[in-house]
Amino acid sequence: MNIKIKAALQTAGILAVIVSVSIGLQLLLAGLTASEIAKILSVGSITFLIYCMYQVVLSRLEYNQKVDEIAKK
């Protein structure tokens, strides 16, 4: 497949996802109260922060493991 066609298809796919998510969020938010939206944002934020903390810990452990491997050589 030509690289220009592949790039065009991937761009179209990305735009389709963006439009779908936007429409879905608009429909979802139309049926929710402000309190429900606040709770969803709170849970989402906490989940994101826990994931970030996990990534930091994982990176530190991988770094220490690499340093140990290099030191053994």
Protein backbone atom coordinates (compact mmCIF):
# COMPACT_ATOMS: atom_id res chain seq x y z
CA MET A 1 0.00 0.00 0.00
CA ASN A 2 1.27 3.46 -0.86
CA ILE A 3 2.51 5.35 2.21
CA LYS A 4 0.40 8.41 1.32
CA ILE A 5 -2.77 6.30 1.19
CA LYS A 6 -1.84 4.64 4.48
CA ALA A 7 -1.34 8.07 6.09
CA ALA A 8 -4.69 9.28 4.72
CA LEU A 9 -6.50 6.20 6.06
CA GLN A 10 -4.91 6.55 9.49
CA THR A 11 -5.81 10.25 9.57
CA ALA A 12 -9.40 9.45 8.61
CA GLY A 13 -9.53 6.80 11.34
CA ILE A 14 -8.24 9.20 13.96
CA LEU A 15 -10.78 11.84 12.93
CA ALA A 16 -13.59 9.26 13.03
CA VAL A 17 -12.63 8.29 16.59
CA ILE A 18 -12.49 11.94 17.66
CA VAL A 19 -15.93 12.67 16.20
CA SER A 20 -17.42 9.48 17.69
CA VAL A 21 -16.06 10.22 21.15
CA SER A 22 -17.25 13.83 20.94
CA ILE A 23 -20.78 12.82 19.96
CA GLY A 24 -20.83 10.08 22.59
CA LEU A 25 -19.73 12.46 25.32
CA GLN A 26 -22.34 15.02 24.33
CA LEU A 27 -25.08 12.39 24.47
CA LEU A 28 -23.79 11.04 27.78
CA LEU A 29 -23.43 14.44 29.43
CA ALA A 30 -26.90 15.50 28.31
CA GLY A 31 -28.40 12.84 30.58
CA LEU A 32 -26.20 13.41 33.64
CA THR A 33 -26.53 15.83 36.52
CA ALA A 34 -23.70 18.10 37.67
CA SER A 35 -23.16 15.88 40.71
CA GLU A 36 -22.80 12.76 38.58
CA ILE A 37 -20.36 14.51 36.26
CA ALA A 38 -18.29 15.64 39.27
CA LYS A 39 -18.17 12.07 40.61
CA ILE A 40 -17.10 10.69 37.22
CA LEU A 41 -14.35 13.31 36.94
CA SER A 42 -13.20 12.57 40.49
CA VAL A 43 -12.97 8.84 39.91
CA GLY A 44 -11.28 9.39 36.56
CA SER A 45 -8.73 11.76 38.07
CA ILE A 46 -7.91 9.42 40.93
CA THR A 47 -7.56 6.50 38.52
CA PHE A 48 -5.25 8.53 36.29
CA LEU A 49 -3.09 9.59 39.26
CA ILE A 50 -2.80 5.99 40.47
CA TYR A 51 -1.75 4.94 36.96
CA CYS A 52 0.88 7.72 36.88
CA MET A 53 2.20 6.63 40.26
CA TYR A 54 2.43 3.04 39.00
CA GLN A 55 4.36 4.20 35.92
CA VAL A 56 6.83 6.15 38.07
CA VAL A 57 7.43 3.17 40.36
CA LEU A 58 7.77 0.82 37.40
CA SER A 59 10.25 3.14 35.68
CA ARG A 60 12.32 3.41 38.86
CA LEU A 61 12.44 -0.37 39.26
CA GLU A 62 13.37 -0.89 35.59
CA TYR A 63 16.07 1.77 35.90
CA ASN A 64 17.52 0.13 39.01
CA GLN A 65 17.47 -3.26 37.28
CA LYS A 66 19.31 -1.84 34.24
CA VAL A 67 21.90 -0.17 36.50
CA ASP A 68 22.46 -3.48 38.28
CA GLU A 69 22.89 -5.28 34.94
CA ILE A 70 25.40 -2.68 33.74
CA ALA A 71 27.30 -2.82 37.02
CA LYS A 72 27.61 -6.62 36.75
CA LYS A 73 29.23 -6.31 33.31
